[in-house]
Amino acid sequence: MPLLANFKLTYRCNLKCAGCPFHVRSQEENSHMSWETAIRCLDRLKDTGCRIVIFEGGEPLLWKDAGRDFTDLVRYAKRHFLCVGATTNGTLNLDVPTDILWVSIDGPEKTHNELRSNSYEKVLSNIRSSGHKKLLVHCTINNRNWTELDELIRTVSGIEQIKGITLQLFYPYNQGEEELALTVSQRKEALLKVIELKNRGYPVMNSFQGLKAMIRNTWTCHDWLLANVDPDGELSVGCYVAGRGDIKCRQCGFTPVAEASLSYELAPGALYTGWRLFASHRGC
């Protein structure tokens, strides 16, 4: 029984981010999900017992089909799942009805603009004007931004609309973006810096246990907790990378999978992180 589904609605995107292997697939056949396919996949996930759905892209907030848009799909999903979230590049209106919304920011202004198509000013403006009740920043740490985590986390922590920060590490899909991969020493130093910032009271929502586990990647991956849906309607259970790139477990940077796996093993910090992210919004 998968717990959480990463649900890719589309490969279409209005940005061309350096680390993303998906926007380059936007012209493929079946690269954008229809309403009927989306509903069928959501119903299948519900039948498996899946409790959490996170919409992704491409850019999921761009999604529309047959006179319906992203908001319609979220409202349908919220009738069937404990928590419905999305990850967005932040360049569109953020007042969508998801329970939780992650906005990707990958560094201070100069670095973010180099990595994410000069979108920093627009993203910050949209965050500051948003009324979303659970807006988080998500940062993917790579070898061009890992030394700037202090500045990034201090900046976003000072914006009242942002309720917390989550971080993961760049994973090389080996589709032209692998130059962003961290070395082993960079990975360790970056994670130790995040742990230090969390200790200092910054709103990093990754658990201490999860961050420490990622340093050497020796944690046990319970990948069956994860369901994956692609824009063509293909649904699978297991590793996020399967069918999307080369699987290299030692280079895994997917902190959400580590947190879920540690939660399954009843690690207190990971359990608390999961509750804060996915259950607390409904008073559970």
C-alpha atoms as a PDB file:
ATOM      1  CA  MET A   1       0.000   0.000   0.000  1.00  0.00           C
ATOM      2  CA  PRO A   2       1.742   3.200  -1.104  1.00  0.00           C
ATOM      3  CA  LEU A   3       1.461   6.145   1.271  1.00  0.00           C
ATOM      4  CA  LEU A   4       2.338   9.035  -1.041  1.00  0.00           C
ATOM      5  CA  ALA A   5       1.969   9.589  -4.789  1.00  0.00           C
ATOM      6  CA  ASN A   6       4.107  11.869  -6.929  1.00  0.00           C
ATOM      7  CA  PHE A   7       1.618  12.770  -9.644  1.00  0.00           C
ATOM      8  CA  LYS A   8       3.140  14.301 -12.795  1.00  0.00           C
ATOM      9  CA  LEU A   9       0.343  16.065 -14.632  1.00  0.00           C
ATOM     10  CA  THR A  10       2.415  17.452 -17.476  1.00  0.00           C
ATOM     11  CA  TYR A  11       5.914  17.920 -18.801  1.00  0.00           C
ATOM     12  CA  ARG A  12       4.968  21.370 -20.102  1.00  0.00           C
ATOM     13  CA  CYS A  13       6.568  24.297 -18.328  1.00  0.00           C
ATOM     14  CA  ASN A  14       7.062  28.030 -18.778  1.00  0.00           C
ATOM     15  CA  LEU A  15      10.678  27.776 -17.551  1.00  0.00           C
ATOM     16  CA  LYS A  16      13.730  25.814 -18.682  1.00  0.00           C
ATOM     17  CA  CYS A  17      15.531  25.070 -15.432  1.00  0.00           C
ATOM     18  CA  ALA A  18      19.080  23.738 -15.597  1.00  0.00           C
ATOM     19  CA  GLY A  19      18.521  20.724 -13.364  1.00  0.00           C
ATOM     20  CA  CYS A  20      15.179  19.540 -14.740  1.00  0.00           C
ATOM     21  CA  PRO A  21      15.025  16.535 -17.096  1.00  0.00           C
ATOM     22  CA  PHE A  22      11.280  16.860 -17.700  1.00  0.00           C
ATOM     23  CA  HIS A  23      10.595  20.135 -19.554  1.00  0.00           C
ATOM     24  CA  VAL A  24      12.688  18.852 -22.471  1.00  0.00           C
ATOM     25  CA  ARG A  25      10.072  16.111 -22.927  1.00  0.00           C
ATOM     26  CA  SER A  26       7.158  18.512 -23.371  1.00  0.00           C
ATOM     27  CA  GLN A  27       6.811  17.785 -27.083  1.00  0.00           C
ATOM     28  CA  GLU A  28       6.541  14.039 -26.603  1.00  0.00           C
ATOM     29  CA  GLU A  29       3.294  12.251 -27.294  1.00  0.00           C
ATOM     30  CA  ASN A  30       1.198  11.949 -24.114  1.00  0.00           C
ATOM     31  CA  SER A  31       3.274  14.587 -22.321  1.00  0.00           C
ATOM     32  CA  HIS A  32       0.156  16.307 -20.945  1.00  0.00           C
ATOM     33  CA  MET A  33      -2.505  14.396 -19.021  1.00  0.00           C
ATOM     34  CA  SER A  34      -6.176  14.594 -19.975  1.00  0.00           C
ATOM     35  CA  TRP A  35      -8.923  15.159 -17.403  1.00  0.00           C
ATOM     36  CA  GLU A  36     -10.224  11.629 -17.895  1.00  0.00           C
ATOM     37  CA  THR A  37      -6.782  10.094 -17.405  1.00  0.00           C
ATOM     38  CA  ALA A  38      -6.137  12.204 -14.310  1.00  0.00           C
ATOM     39  CA  ILE A  39      -9.418  11.179 -12.689  1.00  0.00           C
ATOM     40  CA  ARG A  40      -8.832   7.524 -13.551  1.00  0.00           C
ATOM     41  CA  CYS A  41      -5.364   7.651 -11.968  1.00  0.00           C
ATOM     42  CA  LEU A  42      -6.631   9.406  -8.848  1.00  0.00           C
ATOM     43  CA  ASP A  43      -9.344   6.781  -8.460  1.00  0.00           C
ATOM     44  CA  ARG A  44      -6.781   3.998  -8.825  1.00  0.00           C
ATOM     45  CA  LEU A  45      -4.594   5.603  -6.169  1.00  0.00           C
ATOM     46  CA  LYS A  46      -7.583   5.907  -3.849  1.00  0.00           C
ATOM     47  CA  ASP A  47      -8.330   2.212  -4.333  1.00  0.00           C
ATOM     48  CA  THR A  48      -4.757   1.274  -3.344  1.00  0.00           C
ATOM     49  CA  GLY A  49      -5.175   3.100  -0.040  1.00  0.00           C
ATOM     50  CA  CYS A  50      -2.776   5.917  -0.924  1.00  0.00           C
ATOM     51  CA  ARG A  51      -3.328   8.850   1.457  1.00  0.00           C
ATOM     52  CA  ILE A  52      -1.256  11.743   0.047  1.00  0.00           C
ATOM     53  CA  VAL A  53      -1.051  13.127  -3.501  1.00  0.00           C
ATOM     54  CA  ILE A  54       1.527  15.697  -4.610  1.00  0.00           C
ATOM     55  CA  PHE A  55       1.003  17.173  -8.084  1.00  0.00           C
ATOM     56  CA  GLU A  56       4.164  17.875 -10.091  1.00  0.00           C
ATOM     57  CA  GLY A  57       5.296  18.771 -13.583  1.00  0.00           C
ATOM     58  CA  GLY A  58       6.685  20.348 -15.633  1.00  0.00           C
ATOM     59  CA  GLU A  59       4.609  23.087 -14.097  1.00  0.00           C
ATOM     60  CA  PRO A  60       1.389  21.606 -12.644  1.00  0.00           C
ATOM     61  CA  LEU A  61      -0.353  24.965 -12.203  1.00  0.00           C
ATOM     62  CA  LEU A  62      -0.364  25.325 -15.999  1.00  0.00           C
ATOM     63  CA  TRP A  63      -2.455  22.190 -16.370  1.00  0.00           C
ATOM     64  CA  LYS A  64      -5.841  22.412 -18.095  1.00  0.00           C
ATOM     65  CA  ASP A  65      -7.965  20.138 -20.236  1.00  0.00           C
ATOM     66  CA  ALA A  66     -11.525  19.990 -21.562  1.00  0.00           C
ATOM     67  CA  GLY A  67     -12.564  23.263 -19.944  1.00  0.00           C
ATOM     68  CA  ARG A  68     -11.131  22.311 -16.545  1.00  0.00           C
ATOM     69  CA  ASP A  69      -8.014  23.598 -14.842  1.00  0.00           C
ATOM     70  CA  PHE A  70      -5.705  22.737 -11.961  1.00  0.00           C
ATOM     71  CA  THR A  71      -8.147  24.004  -9.344  1.00  0.00           C
ATOM     72  CA  ASP A  72     -10.848  21.606 -10.554  1.00  0.00           C
ATOM     73  CA  LEU A  73      -8.467  18.682 -10.269  1.00  0.00           C
ATOM     74  CA  VAL A  74      -7.354  19.653  -6.767  1.00  0.00           C
ATOM     75  CA  ARG A  75     -10.940  19.893  -5.568  1.00  0.00           C
ATOM     76  CA  TYR A  76     -11.669  16.420  -6.901  1.00  0.00           C
ATOM     77  CA  ALA A  77      -8.536  15.003  -5.224  1.00  0.00           C
ATOM     78  CA  LYS A  78      -9.305  16.616  -1.858  1.00  0.00           C
ATOM     79  CA  ARG A  79     -12.506  14.585  -1.615  1.00  0.00           C
ATOM     80  CA  HIS A  80     -10.481  11.363  -1.582  1.00  0.00           C
ATOM     81  CA  PHE A  81      -7.095  11.950   0.057  1.00  0.00           C
ATOM     82  CA  LEU A  82      -5.848  13.031   3.484  1.00  0.00           C
ATOM     83  CA  CYS A  83      -3.572  15.679   1.968  1.00  0.00           C
ATOM     84  CA  VAL A  84      -3.242  17.162  -1.519  1.00  0.00           C
ATOM     85  CA  GLY A  85      -0.201  19.235  -2.380  1.00  0.00           C
ATOM     86  CA  ALA A  86       1.757  20.563  -5.335  1.00  0.00           C
ATOM     87  CA  THR A  87       5.255  21.717  -6.237  1.00  0.00           C
ATOM     88  CA  THR A  88       5.418  24.837  -8.417  1.00  0.00           C
ATOM     89  CA  ASN A  89       8.084  27.069  -9.915  1.00  0.00           C
ATOM     90  CA  GLY A  90       6.261  30.009  -8.330  1.00  0.00           C
ATOM     91  CA  THR A  91       5.762  32.116 -11.453  1.00  0.00           C
ATOM     92  CA  LEU A  92       1.963  31.762 -11.497  1.00  0.00           C
ATOM     93  CA  ASN A  93      -0.801  32.718  -9.069  1.00  0.00           C
ATOM     94  CA  LEU A  94      -0.157  30.722  -5.894  1.00  0.00           C
ATOM     95  CA  ASP A  95      -3.656  30.948  -4.430  1.00  0.00           C
ATOM     96  CA  VAL A  96      -4.689  27.429  -5.366  1.00  0.00           C
ATOM     97  CA  PRO A  97      -6.775  25.194  -3.066  1.00  0.00           C
ATOM     98  CA  THR A  98      -4.076  22.630  -2.246  1.00  0.00           C
ATOM     99  CA  ASP A  99      -3.534  21.766   1.415  1.00  0.00           C
ATOM    100  CA  ILE A 100       0.155  22.471   0.971  1.00  0.00           C
ATOM    101  CA  LEU A 101       2.149  24.219  -1.755  1.00  0.00           C
ATOM    102  CA  TRP A 102       5.900  24.069  -2.297  1.00  0.00           C
ATOM    103  CA  VAL A 103       7.583  26.866  -4.239  1.00  0.00           C
ATOM    104  CA  SER A 104      11.004  26.032  -5.664  1.00  0.00           C
ATOM    105  CA  ILE A 105      13.783  28.502  -4.880  1.00  0.00           C
ATOM    106  CA  ASP A 106      17.287  27.273  -5.592  1.00  0.00           C
ATOM    107  CA  GLY A 107      19.517  29.964  -4.178  1.00  0.00           C
ATOM    108  CA  PRO A 108      19.924  33.712  -3.708  1.00  0.00           C
ATOM    109  CA  GLU A 109      18.796  35.884  -6.609  1.00  0.00           C
ATOM    110  CA  LYS A 110      21.811  35.547  -8.924  1.00  0.00           C
ATOM    111  CA  THR A 111      22.175  31.789  -8.520  1.00  0.00           C
ATOM    112  CA  HIS A 112      18.449  31.107  -8.682  1.00  0.00           C
ATOM    113  CA  ASN A 113      18.171  33.135 -11.883  1.00  0.00           C
ATOM    114  CA  GLU A 114      21.027  31.202 -13.475  1.00  0.00           C
ATOM    115  CA  LEU A 115      19.434  27.875 -12.535  1.00  0.00           C
ATOM    116  CA  ARG A 116      15.760  28.740 -13.000  1.00  0.00           C
ATOM    117  CA  SER A 117      15.290  31.001 -16.015  1.00  0.00           C
ATOM    118  CA  ASN A 118      15.563  34.455 -14.373  1.00  0.00           C
ATOM    119  CA  SER A 119      12.421  33.899 -12.318  1.00  0.00           C
ATOM    120  CA  TYR A 120      13.534  35.070  -8.847  1.00  0.00           C
ATOM    121  CA  GLU A 121      11.842  38.487  -8.743  1.00  0.00           C
ATOM    122  CA  LYS A 122       8.542  37.083 -10.042  1.00  0.00           C
ATOM    123  CA  VAL A 123       8.614  34.203  -7.570  1.00  0.00           C
ATOM    124  CA  LEU A 124       9.274  36.418  -4.556  1.00  0.00           C
ATOM    125  CA  SER A 125       6.543  38.834  -5.643  1.00  0.00           C
ATOM    126  CA  ASN A 126       4.014  36.010  -5.972  1.00  0.00           C
ATOM    127  CA  ILE A 127       4.948  34.615  -2.559  1.00  0.00           C
ATOM    128  CA  ARG A 128       4.536  37.975  -0.849  1.00  0.00           C
ATOM    129  CA  SER A 129       1.111  38.524  -2.436  1.00  0.00           C
ATOM    130  CA  SER A 130      -0.150  35.004  -1.742  1.00  0.00           C
ATOM    131  CA  GLY A 131      -2.849  34.127   0.757  1.00  0.00           C
ATOM    132  CA  HIS A 132      -2.130  30.373   0.684  1.00  0.00           C
ATOM    133  CA  LYS A 133      -2.348  28.981   4.214  1.00  0.00           C
ATOM    134  CA  LYS A 134       0.535  26.509   3.957  1.00  0.00           C
ATOM    135  CA  LEU A 135       3.193  27.842   1.624  1.00  0.00           C
ATOM    136  CA  LEU A 136       6.666  26.285   1.839  1.00  0.00           C
ATOM    137  CA  VAL A 137       9.914  26.875   0.002  1.00  0.00           C
ATOM    138  CA  HIS A 138      11.705  23.876  -1.461  1.00  0.00           C
ATOM    139  CA  CYS A 139      15.371  23.992  -2.400  1.00  0.00           C
ATOM    140  CA  THR A 140      17.304  21.408  -4.396  1.00  0.00           C
ATOM    141  CA  ILE A 141      20.928  21.568  -3.257  1.00  0.00           C
ATOM    142  CA  ASN A 142      23.489  21.299  -6.058  1.00  0.00           C
ATOM    143  CA  ASN A 143      27.145  22.137  -6.604  1.00  0.00           C
ATOM    144  CA  ARG A 144      26.327  25.727  -7.608  1.00  0.00           C
ATOM    145  CA  ASN A 145      24.236  26.696  -4.611  1.00  0.00           C
ATOM    146  CA  TRP A 146      25.397  24.563  -1.685  1.00  0.00           C
ATOM    147  CA  THR A 147      27.751  27.233  -0.325  1.00  0.00           C
ATOM    148  CA  GLU A 148      24.889  29.783  -0.293  1.00  0.00           C
ATOM    149  CA  LEU A 149      22.416  27.911   1.921  1.00  0.00           C
ATOM    150  CA  ASP A 150      22.867  30.365   4.805  1.00  0.00           C
ATOM    151  CA  GLU A 151      21.853  33.317   2.655  1.00  0.00           C
ATOM    152  CA  LEU A 152      18.928  31.527   1.043  1.00  0.00           C
ATOM    153  CA  ILE A 153      17.489  30.196   4.293  1.00  0.00           C
ATOM    154  CA  ARG A 154      17.891  33.523   6.097  1.00  0.00           C
ATOM    155  CA  THR A 155      16.145  35.337   3.240  1.00  0.00           C
ATOM    156  CA  VAL A 156      13.116  33.060   2.926  1.00  0.00           C
ATOM    157  CA  SER A 157      12.784  32.746   6.711  1.00  0.00           C
ATOM    158  CA  GLY A 158      12.127  36.475   6.847  1.00  0.00           C
ATOM    159  CA  ILE A 159       9.069  36.301   4.571  1.00  0.00           C
ATOM    160  CA  GLU A 160       5.917  35.933   6.662  1.00  0.00           C
ATOM    161  CA  GLN A 161       3.960  34.023   4.021  1.00  0.00           C
ATOM    162  CA  ILE A 162       6.493  31.164   4.107  1.00  0.00           C
ATOM    163  CA  LYS A 163       5.707  28.580   6.777  1.00  0.00           C
ATOM    164  CA  GLY A 164       8.826  26.463   6.399  1.00  0.00           C
ATOM    165  CA  ILE A 165      11.637  25.195   4.195  1.00  0.00           C
ATOM    166  CA  THR A 166      12.360  21.713   2.879  1.00  0.00           C
ATOM    167  CA  LEU A 167      15.532  20.651   1.099  1.00  0.00           C
ATOM    168  CA  GLN A 168      16.669  17.777  -1.054  1.00  0.00           C
ATOM    169  CA  LEU A 169      19.841  17.032  -2.985  1.00  0.00           C
ATOM    170  CA  PHE A 170      20.226  17.201  -6.730  1.00  0.00           C
ATOM    171  CA  TYR A 171      19.974  13.824  -8.438  1.00  0.00           C
ATOM    172  CA  PRO A 172      21.721  13.366 -11.813  1.00  0.00           C
ATOM    173  CA  TYR A 173      19.349  11.727 -14.276  1.00  0.00           C
ATOM    174  CA  ASN A 174      22.234  11.689 -16.796  1.00  0.00           C
ATOM    175  CA  GLN A 175      20.228  13.539 -19.407  1.00  0.00           C
ATOM    176  CA  GLY A 176      22.542  16.523 -19.734  1.00  0.00           C
ATOM    177  CA  GLU A 177      22.198  18.035 -16.272  1.00  0.00           C
ATOM    178  CA  GLU A 178      24.740  15.920 -14.353  1.00  0.00           C
ATOM    179  CA  GLU A 179      27.233  18.819 -14.054  1.00  0.00           C
ATOM    180  CA  LEU A 180      25.142  19.994 -11.089  1.00  0.00           C
ATOM    181  CA  ALA A 181      25.853  16.843  -9.058  1.00  0.00           C
ATOM    182  CA  LEU A 182      27.472  17.232  -5.648  1.00  0.00           C
ATOM    183  CA  THR A 183      30.697  15.501  -4.719  1.00  0.00           C
ATOM    184  CA  VAL A 184      30.659  13.291  -1.630  1.00  0.00           C
ATOM    185  CA  SER A 185      32.398  15.964   0.431  1.00  0.00           C
ATOM    186  CA  GLN A 186      30.114  18.748  -0.835  1.00  0.00           C
ATOM    187  CA  ARG A 187      27.072  16.633   0.022  1.00  0.00           C
ATOM    188  CA  LYS A 188      28.308  16.096   3.578  1.00  0.00           C
ATOM    189  CA  GLU A 189      29.229  19.750   4.151  1.00  0.00           C
ATOM    190  CA  ALA A 190      25.905  20.960   2.729  1.00  0.00           C
ATOM    191  CA  LEU A 191      23.855  18.646   4.949  1.00  0.00           C
ATOM    192  CA  LEU A 192      25.889  19.530   8.028  1.00  0.00           C
ATOM    193  CA  LYS A 193      25.243  23.205   7.251  1.00  0.00           C
ATOM    194  CA  VAL A 194      21.483  22.554   7.019  1.00  0.00           C
ATOM    195  CA  ILE A 195      21.611  20.704  10.363  1.00  0.00           C
ATOM    196  CA  GLU A 196      23.442  23.672  11.905  1.00  0.00           C
ATOM    197  CA  LEU A 197      20.854  26.123  10.567  1.00  0.00           C
ATOM    198  CA  LYS A 198      18.015  23.947  11.876  1.00  0.00           C
ATOM    199  CA  ASN A 199      19.729  23.850  15.285  1.00  0.00           C
ATOM    200  CA  ARG A 200      19.877  27.644  15.214  1.00  0.00           C
ATOM    201  CA  GLY A 201      16.094  27.803  14.896  1.00  0.00           C
ATOM    202  CA  TYR A 202      15.571  28.370  11.187  1.00  0.00           C
ATOM    203  CA  PRO A 203      12.330  26.728   9.944  1.00  0.00           C
ATOM    204  CA  VAL A 204      13.909  23.742   8.181  1.00  0.00           C
ATOM    205  CA  MET A 205      11.222  21.049   8.191  1.00  0.00           C
ATOM    206  CA  ASN A 206      13.433  18.082   7.303  1.00  0.00           C
ATOM    207  CA  SER A 207      14.054  16.017  10.425  1.00  0.00           C
ATOM    208  CA  PHE A 208      17.494  15.781  12.008  1.00  0.00           C
ATOM    209  CA  GLN A 209      17.295  12.015  11.511  1.00  0.00           C
ATOM    210  CA  GLY A 210      16.462  12.404   7.842  1.00  0.00           C
ATOM    211  CA  LEU A 211      19.253  14.905   7.198  1.00  0.00           C
ATOM    212  CA  LYS A 212      21.858  12.766   8.955  1.00  0.00           C
ATOM    213  CA  ALA A 213      20.703   9.664   7.081  1.00  0.00           C
ATOM    214  CA  MET A 214      21.295  11.403   3.741  1.00  0.00           C
ATOM    215  CA  ILE A 215      24.963  12.136   4.428  1.00  0.00           C
ATOM    216  CA  ARG A 216      26.086   8.589   3.649  1.00  0.00           C
ATOM    217  CA  ASN A 217      22.845   7.250   2.180  1.00  0.00           C
ATOM    218  CA  THR A 218      22.906   4.163   4.371  1.00  0.00           C
ATOM    219  CA  TRP A 219      19.222   4.347   5.291  1.00  0.00           C
ATOM    220  CA  THR A 220      16.896   1.525   4.249  1.00  0.00           C
ATOM    221  CA  CYS A 221      14.696   2.605   1.361  1.00  0.00           C
ATOM    222  CA  HIS A 222      11.111   1.378   1.609  1.00  0.00           C
ATOM    223  CA  ASP A 223      10.305   2.515  -1.902  1.00  0.00           C
ATOM    224  CA  TRP A 224       6.971   0.688  -1.943  1.00  0.00           C
ATOM    225  CA  LEU A 225       5.665   3.614   0.132  1.00  0.00           C
ATOM    226  CA  LEU A 226       5.874   5.725  -3.029  1.00  0.00           C
ATOM    227  CA  ALA A 227       3.546   5.673  -6.038  1.00  0.00           C
ATOM    228  CA  ASN A 228       4.494   7.444  -9.263  1.00  0.00           C
ATOM    229  CA  VAL A 229       2.152   8.714 -11.960  1.00  0.00           C
ATOM    230  CA  ASP A 230       3.378  10.048 -15.314  1.00  0.00           C
ATOM    231  CA  PRO A 231       1.495  12.275 -17.808  1.00  0.00           C
ATOM    232  CA  ASP A 232       0.688   9.291 -20.035  1.00  0.00           C
ATOM    233  CA  GLY A 233      -1.264   7.710 -17.157  1.00  0.00           C
ATOM    234  CA  GLU A 234       1.397   5.129 -16.308  1.00  0.00           C
ATOM    235  CA  LEU A 235       1.175   4.272 -12.600  1.00  0.00           C
ATOM    236  CA  SER A 236       3.927   2.451 -10.759  1.00  0.00           C
ATOM    237  CA  VAL A 237       5.012   1.798  -7.195  1.00  0.00           C
ATOM    238  CA  GLY A 238       8.639   2.079  -6.156  1.00  0.00           C
ATOM    239  CA  CYS A 239      11.687   4.218  -6.893  1.00  0.00           C
ATOM    240  CA  TYR A 240      10.954   7.732  -8.165  1.00  0.00           C
ATOM    241  CA  VAL A 241      13.713   7.436 -10.768  1.00  0.00           C
ATOM    242  CA  ALA A 242      12.529   4.151 -12.312  1.00  0.00           C
ATOM    243  CA  GLY A 243      11.609   4.776 -15.934  1.00  0.00           C
ATOM    244  CA  ARG A 244      12.846   8.362 -15.703  1.00  0.00           C
ATOM    245  CA  GLY A 245      16.614   7.935 -15.531  1.00  0.00           C
ATOM    246  CA  ASP A 246      19.457   5.763 -14.286  1.00  0.00           C
ATOM    247  CA  ILE A 247      18.947   4.437 -10.746  1.00  0.00           C
ATOM    248  CA  LYS A 248      22.006   5.129  -8.581  1.00  0.00           C
ATOM    249  CA  CYS A 249      21.033   4.605  -4.968  1.00  0.00           C
ATOM    250  CA  ARG A 250      24.304   5.936  -3.575  1.00  0.00           C
ATOM    251  CA  GLN A 251      23.557   9.298  -5.193  1.00  0.00           C
ATOM    252  CA  CYS A 252      19.948   9.462  -4.019  1.00  0.00           C
ATOM    253  CA  GLY A 253      18.973  12.945  -2.924  1.00  0.00           C
ATOM    254  CA  PHE A 254      15.252  12.407  -2.429  1.00  0.00           C
ATOM    255  CA  THR A 255      14.832  13.440   1.199  1.00  0.00           C
ATOM    256  CA  PRO A 256      11.031  12.871   1.152  1.00  0.00           C
ATOM    257  CA  VAL A 257      11.643   9.169   0.489  1.00  0.00           C
ATOM    258  CA  ALA A 258      14.170   9.024   3.319  1.00  0.00           C
ATOM    259  CA  GLU A 259      11.696  10.717   5.680  1.00  0.00           C
ATOM    260  CA  ALA A 260       8.902   8.304   4.666  1.00  0.00           C
ATOM    261  CA  SER A 261      11.181   5.293   5.061  1.00  0.00           C
ATOM    262  CA  LEU A 262      12.345   6.446   8.491  1.00  0.00           C
ATOM    263  CA  SER A 263       8.729   7.095   9.495  1.00  0.00           C
ATOM    264  CA  TYR A 264       7.858   3.521   8.557  1.00  0.00           C
ATOM    265  CA  GLU A 265      10.611   2.461  10.981  1.00  0.00           C
ATOM    266  CA  LEU A 266       8.986   4.714  13.637  1.00  0.00           C
ATOM    267  CA  ALA A 267      11.814   7.241  13.825  1.00  0.00           C
ATOM    268  CA  PRO A 268      10.306   9.985  16.035  1.00  0.00           C
ATOM    269  CA  GLY A 269      11.729  12.991  14.173  1.00  0.00           C
ATOM    270  CA  ALA A 270      10.597  11.739  10.785  1.00  0.00           C
ATOM    271  CA  LEU A 271       7.145  10.927  12.134  1.00  0.00           C
ATOM    272  CA  TYR A 272       6.854  14.448  13.540  1.00  0.00           C
ATOM    273  CA  THR A 273       7.987  15.955  10.238  1.00  0.00           C
ATOM    274  CA  GLY A 274       5.335  13.940   8.389  1.00  0.00           C
ATOM    275  CA  TRP A 275       2.648  15.090  10.798  1.00  0.00           C
ATOM    276  CA  ARG A 276       3.665  18.744  10.476  1.00  0.00           C
ATOM    277  CA  LEU A 277       3.675  18.558   6.692  1.00  0.00           C
ATOM    278  CA  PHE A 278       0.684  16.406   5.861  1.00  0.00           C
ATOM    279  CA  ALA A 279      -1.702  16.026   8.797  1.00  0.00           C
ATOM    280  CA  SER A 280      -1.594  19.091  11.037  1.00  0.00           C
ATOM    281  CA  HIS A 281      -3.549  21.248   8.568  1.00  0.00           C
ATOM    282  CA  ARG A 282      -6.696  19.234   9.306  1.00  0.00           C
ATOM    283  CA  GLY A 283      -6.268  19.108  13.045  1.00  0.00           C
ATOM    284  CA  CYS A 284      -5.223  15.434  13.087  1.00  0.00           C
END
